[in-house]
Each structure stands twice: as structure tokens, then as C-alpha cells.
Amino acid sequence: MRVVGTVVEEESGKPLAGLQVRAFDKDLFFDEKIGSAITDDAGRFRIHCSSKLQRRILSISAVCYGVVSQLSRGNLLSVDFSLFGFDESPKLYIRVFDTGRTTLLYSTGKEIRKGFVEERFDIRISKHRLT
């Protein structure tokens, strides 16, 4: 699993190098950092998700599969695992920080994406946010 994309200046389309992009999995109690990357000279970034997150998703999937297998023998057709706090797909958002890694320039926190193998974000940041 990975997160890829570009960060450019909105007005000119100029790539923004040296910015830090952080990816998060939004959870009920706290958001788990998936990984981070620095944009290159073309404004591109690539974040590979941690093996810890991948293992967690696979183990939750296995638990859910086992429960569904048991329940299907009793003719129960549908189970909503979110009621039990299980949700195997990550709820993904990213944050973009300045070159000093301290000032938040952009966030997709209100636009959560659910589940991914490769998720692409093409971010445009106003030059007014950069100053």
C-alpha cells in the first residue's frame, strides 16, 4: 500500500520541493501516522505504508472472515463489523508541512478516503499559504 502524488503552487503550477507530506489513518480514538515523505524537485512524493499497518489490516480481515464463516452457517447474511469497532480499510488523509516541518500548509482531513492499494493526491497550495 502506498500514497503518491504531487504538490504544486496553485497560481503558477510550479512544483514545490522540500515539503513534508504525512499520511494518516483516521481512527476513533487517535489517528495513526502511516508514513511521510519529502517532495522532490518535481513536487512528487511517495509514501509506503508501514508494515505494522498492513499487518493490522490483514489481522482484522482474518478475524472478520472467521466470524463471517461462523455466522454464515447459522444463515446470517449480513454483518456490519463497524458496530464492533472493526474496520479493516484505512481511512486515509494527508497533511502537507513547510520545509521546516512545523507549519501546516494543507490538509485533506475533512475529505477522508477509505481503503486503498495506491491512493493519489494532487495538491495545489496557494502562494499566500507559502509565505
N, C-alpha and C. Protein backbone atom coordinates (compact mmCIF):
# COMPACT_ATOMS: atom_id res chain seq x y z
N MET A 1 0.84 -1.17 0.00
CA MET A 1 0.00 0.00 0.00
C MET A 1 0.88 1.24 0.00
N ARG A 2 0.43 2.22 -0.79
CA ARG A 2 1.23 3.43 -0.88
C ARG A 2 0.35 4.63 -1.21
N VAL A 3 0.89 5.80 -0.90
CA VAL A 3 0.26 7.08 -1.18
C VAL A 3 1.23 7.85 -2.06
N VAL A 4 0.76 8.34 -3.19
CA VAL A 4 1.62 9.06 -4.13
C VAL A 4 0.92 10.36 -4.53
N GLY A 5 1.70 11.26 -5.13
CA GLY A 5 1.08 12.47 -5.65
C GLY A 5 2.09 13.56 -5.91
N THR A 6 1.54 14.76 -6.12
CA THR A 6 2.36 15.94 -6.38
C THR A 6 1.83 17.10 -5.56
N VAL A 7 2.73 18.06 -5.30
CA VAL A 7 2.34 19.30 -4.63
C VAL A 7 2.88 20.43 -5.50
N VAL A 8 1.97 21.31 -5.93
CA VAL A 8 2.36 22.43 -6.78
C VAL A 8 1.75 23.72 -6.24
N GLU A 9 2.32 24.85 -6.68
CA GLU A 9 1.75 26.15 -6.36
C GLU A 9 0.49 26.33 -7.21
N GLU A 10 -0.58 26.72 -6.57
CA GLU A 10 -1.88 26.81 -7.25
C GLU A 10 -1.86 27.79 -8.42
N GLU A 11 -1.31 28.96 -8.22
CA GLU A 11 -1.38 30.01 -9.24
C GLU A 11 -0.51 29.72 -10.46
N SER A 12 0.69 29.21 -10.24
CA SER A 12 1.64 29.03 -11.35
C SER A 12 1.77 27.59 -11.83
N GLY A 13 1.37 26.64 -10.99
CA GLY A 13 1.58 25.23 -11.33
C GLY A 13 3.01 24.77 -11.08
N LYS A 14 3.82 25.65 -10.49
CA LYS A 14 5.23 25.34 -10.20
C LYS A 14 5.32 24.26 -9.12
N PRO A 15 6.15 23.23 -9.34
CA PRO A 15 6.30 22.18 -8.32
C PRO A 15 6.93 22.74 -7.05
N LEU A 16 6.50 22.21 -5.92
CA LEU A 16 7.02 22.65 -4.62
C LEU A 16 7.89 21.55 -4.02
N ALA A 17 9.18 21.82 -3.98
CA ALA A 17 10.15 20.84 -3.47
C ALA A 17 10.42 21.07 -1.99
N GLY A 18 10.78 20.00 -1.30
CA GLY A 18 11.23 20.08 0.08
C GLY A 18 10.12 20.13 1.12
N LEU A 19 8.86 19.98 0.71
CA LEU A 19 7.77 19.97 1.69
C LEU A 19 7.59 18.57 2.24
N GLN A 20 7.13 18.49 3.48
CA GLN A 20 6.89 17.17 4.07
C GLN A 20 5.41 16.83 3.95
N VAL A 21 5.13 15.64 3.43
CA VAL A 21 3.77 15.12 3.31
C VAL A 21 3.64 13.96 4.29
N ARG A 22 2.64 14.03 5.15
CA ARG A 22 2.40 12.97 6.13
C ARG A 22 1.04 12.34 5.86
N ALA A 23 0.98 11.02 5.88
CA ALA A 23 -0.28 10.30 5.67
C ALA A 23 -0.74 9.70 6.99
N PHE A 24 -2.06 9.74 7.22
CA PHE A 24 -2.64 9.25 8.47
C PHE A 24 -3.83 8.35 8.21
N ASP A 25 -4.06 7.42 9.13
CA ASP A 25 -5.26 6.59 9.16
C ASP A 25 -6.12 7.12 10.29
N LYS A 26 -7.30 7.66 9.96
CA LYS A 26 -8.19 8.24 10.98
C LYS A 26 -8.89 7.11 11.72
N ASP A 27 -8.74 7.12 13.04
CA ASP A 27 -9.38 6.12 13.89
C ASP A 27 -10.27 6.80 14.91
N LEU A 28 -11.01 6.00 15.62
CA LEU A 28 -11.97 6.51 16.59
C LEU A 28 -11.30 7.29 17.72
N PHE A 29 -10.22 6.77 18.27
CA PHE A 29 -9.59 7.39 19.44
C PHE A 29 -8.37 8.24 19.10
N PHE A 30 -7.54 7.81 18.15
CA PHE A 30 -6.40 8.61 17.72
C PHE A 30 -6.06 8.24 16.29
N ASP A 31 -5.45 9.18 15.59
CA ASP A 31 -5.09 8.96 14.20
C ASP A 31 -3.67 8.40 14.14
N GLU A 32 -3.53 7.32 13.41
CA GLU A 32 -2.24 6.64 13.30
C GLU A 32 -1.47 7.17 12.09
N LYS A 33 -0.22 7.57 12.33
CA LYS A 33 0.62 8.02 11.23
C LYS A 33 1.02 6.81 10.39
N ILE A 34 0.74 6.90 9.10
CA ILE A 34 1.07 5.81 8.17
C ILE A 34 2.50 5.95 7.69
N GLY A 35 2.91 7.17 7.42
CA GLY A 35 4.26 7.41 6.93
C GLY A 35 4.39 8.84 6.47
N SER A 36 5.59 9.19 6.00
CA SER A 36 5.82 10.54 5.49
C SER A 36 6.86 10.51 4.39
N ALA A 37 6.90 11.61 3.62
CA ALA A 37 7.87 11.75 2.54
C ALA A 37 8.13 13.22 2.30
N ILE A 38 9.24 13.53 1.67
CA ILE A 38 9.61 14.89 1.29
C ILE A 38 9.41 15.01 -0.23
N THR A 39 8.76 16.10 -0.67
CA THR A 39 8.57 16.28 -2.11
C THR A 39 9.91 16.53 -2.80
N ASP A 40 10.04 15.94 -4.00
CA ASP A 40 11.28 16.10 -4.77
C ASP A 40 11.21 17.38 -5.61
N ASP A 41 12.20 17.59 -6.50
CA ASP A 41 12.27 18.81 -7.31
C ASP A 41 11.05 18.98 -8.22
N ALA A 42 10.38 17.89 -8.56
CA ALA A 42 9.18 17.94 -9.41
C ALA A 42 7.91 18.02 -8.56
N GLY A 43 8.07 18.15 -7.23
CA GLY A 43 6.91 18.23 -6.34
C GLY A 43 6.27 16.89 -6.04
N ARG A 44 6.91 15.80 -6.47
CA ARG A 44 6.34 14.45 -6.28
C ARG A 44 6.69 13.90 -4.91
N PHE A 45 5.80 13.03 -4.42
CA PHE A 45 6.07 12.31 -3.19
C PHE A 45 5.51 10.89 -3.30
N ARG A 46 6.08 10.00 -2.49
CA ARG A 46 5.65 8.59 -2.44
C ARG A 46 5.82 8.13 -1.00
N ILE A 47 4.73 7.64 -0.42
CA ILE A 47 4.76 7.13 0.95
C ILE A 47 4.36 5.66 0.92
N HIS A 48 5.25 4.82 1.42
CA HIS A 48 4.92 3.40 1.56
C HIS A 48 4.38 3.19 2.96
N CYS A 49 3.23 2.56 3.05
CA CYS A 49 2.61 2.34 4.36
C CYS A 49 3.44 1.38 5.18
N SER A 50 3.42 1.61 6.47
CA SER A 50 4.22 0.78 7.37
C SER A 50 3.72 -0.66 7.35
N SER A 51 4.63 -1.58 7.55
CA SER A 51 4.25 -3.00 7.61
C SER A 51 3.36 -3.26 8.82
N LYS A 52 3.49 -2.44 9.86
CA LYS A 52 2.64 -2.57 11.04
C LYS A 52 1.17 -2.35 10.67
N LEU A 53 0.91 -1.30 9.89
CA LEU A 53 -0.47 -1.02 9.45
C LEU A 53 -0.97 -2.14 8.55
N GLN A 54 -0.13 -2.62 7.64
CA GLN A 54 -0.55 -3.70 6.75
C GLN A 54 -0.88 -4.95 7.55
N ARG A 55 -0.08 -5.28 8.55
CA ARG A 55 -0.36 -6.46 9.40
C ARG A 55 -1.66 -6.29 10.16
N ARG A 56 -1.91 -5.07 10.66
CA ARG A 56 -3.14 -4.81 11.41
C ARG A 56 -4.36 -5.00 10.51
N ILE A 57 -4.30 -4.49 9.28
CA ILE A 57 -5.41 -4.65 8.35
C ILE A 57 -5.64 -6.12 8.02
N LEU A 58 -4.56 -6.85 7.79
CA LEU A 58 -4.68 -8.28 7.47
C LEU A 58 -5.23 -9.07 8.64
N SER A 59 -4.81 -8.74 9.87
CA SER A 59 -5.30 -9.49 11.02
C SER A 59 -6.77 -9.19 11.29
N ILE A 60 -7.19 -7.94 11.12
CA ILE A 60 -8.61 -7.61 11.29
C ILE A 60 -9.43 -8.30 10.21
N SER A 61 -8.91 -8.33 8.98
CA SER A 61 -9.60 -9.03 7.90
C SER A 61 -9.77 -10.50 8.23
N ALA A 62 -8.73 -11.12 8.79
CA ALA A 62 -8.80 -12.54 9.15
C ALA A 62 -9.84 -12.78 10.23
N VAL A 63 -9.88 -11.91 11.25
CA VAL A 63 -10.88 -12.03 12.31
C VAL A 63 -12.28 -11.90 11.72
N CYS A 64 -12.47 -10.89 10.89
CA CYS A 64 -13.79 -10.68 10.28
C CYS A 64 -14.19 -11.87 9.42
N TYR A 65 -13.24 -12.41 8.65
CA TYR A 65 -13.55 -13.57 7.81
C TYR A 65 -13.96 -14.76 8.68
N GLY A 66 -13.25 -14.97 9.78
CA GLY A 66 -13.58 -16.09 10.67
C GLY A 66 -14.96 -15.94 11.27
N VAL A 67 -15.32 -14.73 11.68
CA VAL A 67 -16.65 -14.50 12.26
C VAL A 67 -17.73 -14.71 11.21
N VAL A 68 -17.50 -14.19 9.99
CA VAL A 68 -18.48 -14.37 8.92
C VAL A 68 -18.65 -15.83 8.59
N SER A 69 -17.54 -16.58 8.56
CA SER A 69 -17.63 -18.02 8.27
C SER A 69 -18.48 -18.73 9.31
N GLN A 70 -18.29 -18.39 10.59
CA GLN A 70 -19.08 -19.00 11.65
C GLN A 70 -20.56 -18.60 11.54
N LEU A 71 -20.81 -17.33 11.27
CA LEU A 71 -22.18 -16.83 11.22
C LEU A 71 -22.92 -17.32 9.98
N SER A 72 -22.21 -17.54 8.88
CA SER A 72 -22.89 -17.96 7.66
C SER A 72 -23.50 -19.35 7.81
N ARG A 73 -22.93 -20.16 8.68
CA ARG A 73 -23.51 -21.49 8.93
C ARG A 73 -24.86 -21.38 9.63
N GLY A 74 -25.06 -20.26 10.34
CA GLY A 74 -26.33 -20.03 11.03
C GLY A 74 -27.29 -19.20 10.18
N ASN A 75 -27.00 -19.05 8.89
CA ASN A 75 -27.84 -18.35 7.92
C ASN A 75 -27.95 -16.84 8.14
N LEU A 76 -26.99 -16.24 8.84
CA LEU A 76 -26.96 -14.79 8.96
C LEU A 76 -26.29 -14.25 7.70
N LEU A 77 -26.95 -13.40 6.98
CA LEU A 77 -26.47 -12.98 5.67
C LEU A 77 -25.57 -11.75 5.69
N SER A 78 -25.73 -10.88 6.68
CA SER A 78 -25.01 -9.62 6.66
C SER A 78 -24.55 -9.25 8.07
N VAL A 79 -23.30 -8.76 8.15
CA VAL A 79 -22.75 -8.32 9.43
C VAL A 79 -22.09 -6.97 9.22
N ASP A 80 -22.39 -5.99 10.05
CA ASP A 80 -21.74 -4.69 10.00
C ASP A 80 -20.68 -4.67 11.09
N PHE A 81 -19.41 -4.91 10.72
CA PHE A 81 -18.34 -5.02 11.69
C PHE A 81 -17.98 -3.68 12.32
N SER A 82 -18.40 -2.57 11.71
CA SER A 82 -18.12 -1.27 12.34
C SER A 82 -18.84 -1.16 13.68
N LEU A 83 -19.93 -1.91 13.86
CA LEU A 83 -20.63 -1.91 15.14
C LEU A 83 -19.78 -2.49 16.26
N PHE A 84 -18.81 -3.34 15.88
CA PHE A 84 -17.93 -3.97 16.86
C PHE A 84 -16.59 -3.26 16.96
N GLY A 85 -16.44 -2.15 16.22
CA GLY A 85 -15.17 -1.42 16.24
C GLY A 85 -14.18 -1.95 15.22
N PHE A 86 -14.59 -2.90 14.37
CA PHE A 86 -13.71 -3.43 13.34
C PHE A 86 -13.95 -2.69 12.04
N ASP A 87 -12.91 -2.19 11.45
CA ASP A 87 -12.99 -1.61 10.13
C ASP A 87 -11.65 -1.85 9.49
N GLU A 88 -11.60 -2.81 8.56
CA GLU A 88 -10.30 -3.23 8.04
C GLU A 88 -9.67 -2.24 7.08
N SER A 89 -10.45 -1.39 6.44
CA SER A 89 -9.87 -0.48 5.47
C SER A 89 -9.46 0.83 6.15
N PRO A 90 -8.26 1.32 5.82
CA PRO A 90 -7.81 2.56 6.43
C PRO A 90 -8.66 3.74 5.94
N LYS A 91 -8.82 4.72 6.79
CA LYS A 91 -9.49 5.96 6.44
C LYS A 91 -8.39 7.00 6.30
N LEU A 92 -8.00 7.26 5.08
CA LEU A 92 -6.77 7.96 4.75
C LEU A 92 -6.96 9.46 4.57
N TYR A 93 -6.03 10.24 5.14
CA TYR A 93 -5.92 11.66 4.83
C TYR A 93 -4.45 12.06 4.92
N ILE A 94 -4.12 13.20 4.30
CA ILE A 94 -2.73 13.66 4.33
C ILE A 94 -2.66 15.10 4.84
N ARG A 95 -1.47 15.45 5.31
CA ARG A 95 -1.15 16.81 5.73
C ARG A 95 0.17 17.19 5.06
N VAL A 96 0.25 18.44 4.60
CA VAL A 96 1.47 18.94 3.96
C VAL A 96 2.04 20.05 4.85
N PHE A 97 3.33 19.92 5.18
CA PHE A 97 4.02 20.88 6.05
C PHE A 97 5.12 21.60 5.28
N ASP A 98 5.50 22.76 5.77
CA ASP A 98 6.55 23.56 5.15
C ASP A 98 7.91 22.86 5.25
N THR A 99 8.92 23.50 4.68
CA THR A 99 10.26 22.89 4.68
C THR A 99 10.83 22.75 6.08
N GLY A 100 10.37 23.57 7.02
CA GLY A 100 10.81 23.46 8.42
C GLY A 100 10.06 22.38 9.18
N ARG A 101 9.08 21.75 8.53
CA ARG A 101 8.29 20.62 9.09
C ARG A 101 7.39 21.04 10.25
N THR A 102 7.12 22.36 10.39
CA THR A 102 6.34 22.81 11.55
C THR A 102 5.00 23.45 11.17
N THR A 103 4.95 24.14 10.06
CA THR A 103 3.73 24.86 9.68
C THR A 103 2.88 24.03 8.74
N LEU A 104 1.63 23.80 9.14
CA LEU A 104 0.70 23.05 8.30
C LEU A 104 0.24 23.94 7.16
N LEU A 105 0.48 23.48 5.92
CA LEU A 105 0.09 24.25 4.74
C LEU A 105 -1.21 23.76 4.12
N TYR A 106 -1.50 22.47 4.28
CA TYR A 106 -2.66 21.87 3.60
C TYR A 106 -3.03 20.57 4.30
N SER A 107 -4.33 20.29 4.35
CA SER A 107 -4.80 19.03 4.93
C SER A 107 -6.03 18.55 4.18
N THR A 108 -6.12 17.24 4.01
CA THR A 108 -7.33 16.64 3.43
C THR A 108 -8.16 15.99 4.54
N GLY A 109 -7.95 16.41 5.79
CA GLY A 109 -8.60 15.81 6.95
C GLY A 109 -10.12 15.79 6.90
N LYS A 110 -10.73 16.68 6.15
CA LYS A 110 -12.19 16.68 6.03
C LYS A 110 -12.67 15.89 4.81
N GLU A 111 -11.72 15.37 4.05
CA GLU A 111 -12.03 14.58 2.86
C GLU A 111 -11.37 13.21 2.98
N ILE A 112 -11.88 12.39 3.88
CA ILE A 112 -11.29 11.09 4.16
C ILE A 112 -11.52 10.14 2.99
N ARG A 113 -10.47 9.42 2.60
CA ARG A 113 -10.59 8.40 1.56
C ARG A 113 -10.52 7.05 2.25
N LYS A 114 -11.38 6.13 1.83
CA LYS A 114 -11.48 4.86 2.53
C LYS A 114 -10.93 3.72 1.67
N GLY A 115 -9.94 3.03 2.22
CA GLY A 115 -9.38 1.85 1.57
C GLY A 115 -8.57 2.21 0.34
N PHE A 116 -7.44 1.58 0.19
CA PHE A 116 -6.59 1.87 -0.96
C PHE A 116 -5.51 0.81 -1.13
N VAL A 117 -5.05 0.67 -2.37
CA VAL A 117 -3.82 -0.06 -2.66
C VAL A 117 -2.78 1.00 -3.01
N GLU A 118 -3.17 1.88 -3.95
CA GLU A 118 -2.37 3.08 -4.21
C GLU A 118 -3.36 4.24 -4.30
N GLU A 119 -3.14 5.23 -3.50
CA GLU A 119 -4.02 6.39 -3.48
C GLU A 119 -3.22 7.60 -3.95
N ARG A 120 -3.80 8.38 -4.87
CA ARG A 120 -3.10 9.52 -5.45
C ARG A 120 -3.73 10.84 -4.97
N PHE A 121 -2.85 11.77 -4.57
CA PHE A 121 -3.27 13.11 -4.18
C PHE A 121 -2.48 14.10 -5.02
N ASP A 122 -3.16 14.96 -5.74
CA ASP A 122 -2.51 16.05 -6.46
C ASP A 122 -2.96 17.34 -5.79
N ILE A 123 -2.04 17.93 -5.04
CA ILE A 123 -2.33 19.05 -4.15
C ILE A 123 -1.88 20.37 -4.78
N ARG A 124 -2.75 21.37 -4.69
CA ARG A 124 -2.44 22.72 -5.16
C ARG A 124 -2.54 23.66 -3.95
N ILE A 125 -1.42 24.31 -3.64
CA ILE A 125 -1.36 25.21 -2.48
C ILE A 125 -1.18 26.65 -2.96
N SER A 126 -2.03 27.53 -2.47
CA SER A 126 -1.93 28.95 -2.84
C SER A 126 -0.60 29.53 -2.37
N LYS A 127 -0.02 30.39 -3.19
CA LYS A 127 1.27 31.00 -2.83
C LYS A 127 1.14 31.84 -1.55
N HIS A 128 -0.07 32.29 -1.23
CA HIS A 128 -0.28 33.05 0.01
C HIS A 128 -0.07 32.19 1.24
N ARG A 129 -0.33 30.90 1.14
CA ARG A 129 -0.09 29.96 2.26
C ARG A 129 1.39 29.69 2.43
N LEU A 130 2.17 29.91 1.40
CA LEU A 130 3.59 29.57 1.41
C LEU A 130 4.44 30.68 2.01
N THR A 131 3.90 31.84 2.20
CA THR A 131 4.71 32.96 2.71
C THR A 131 4.51 33.18 4.18
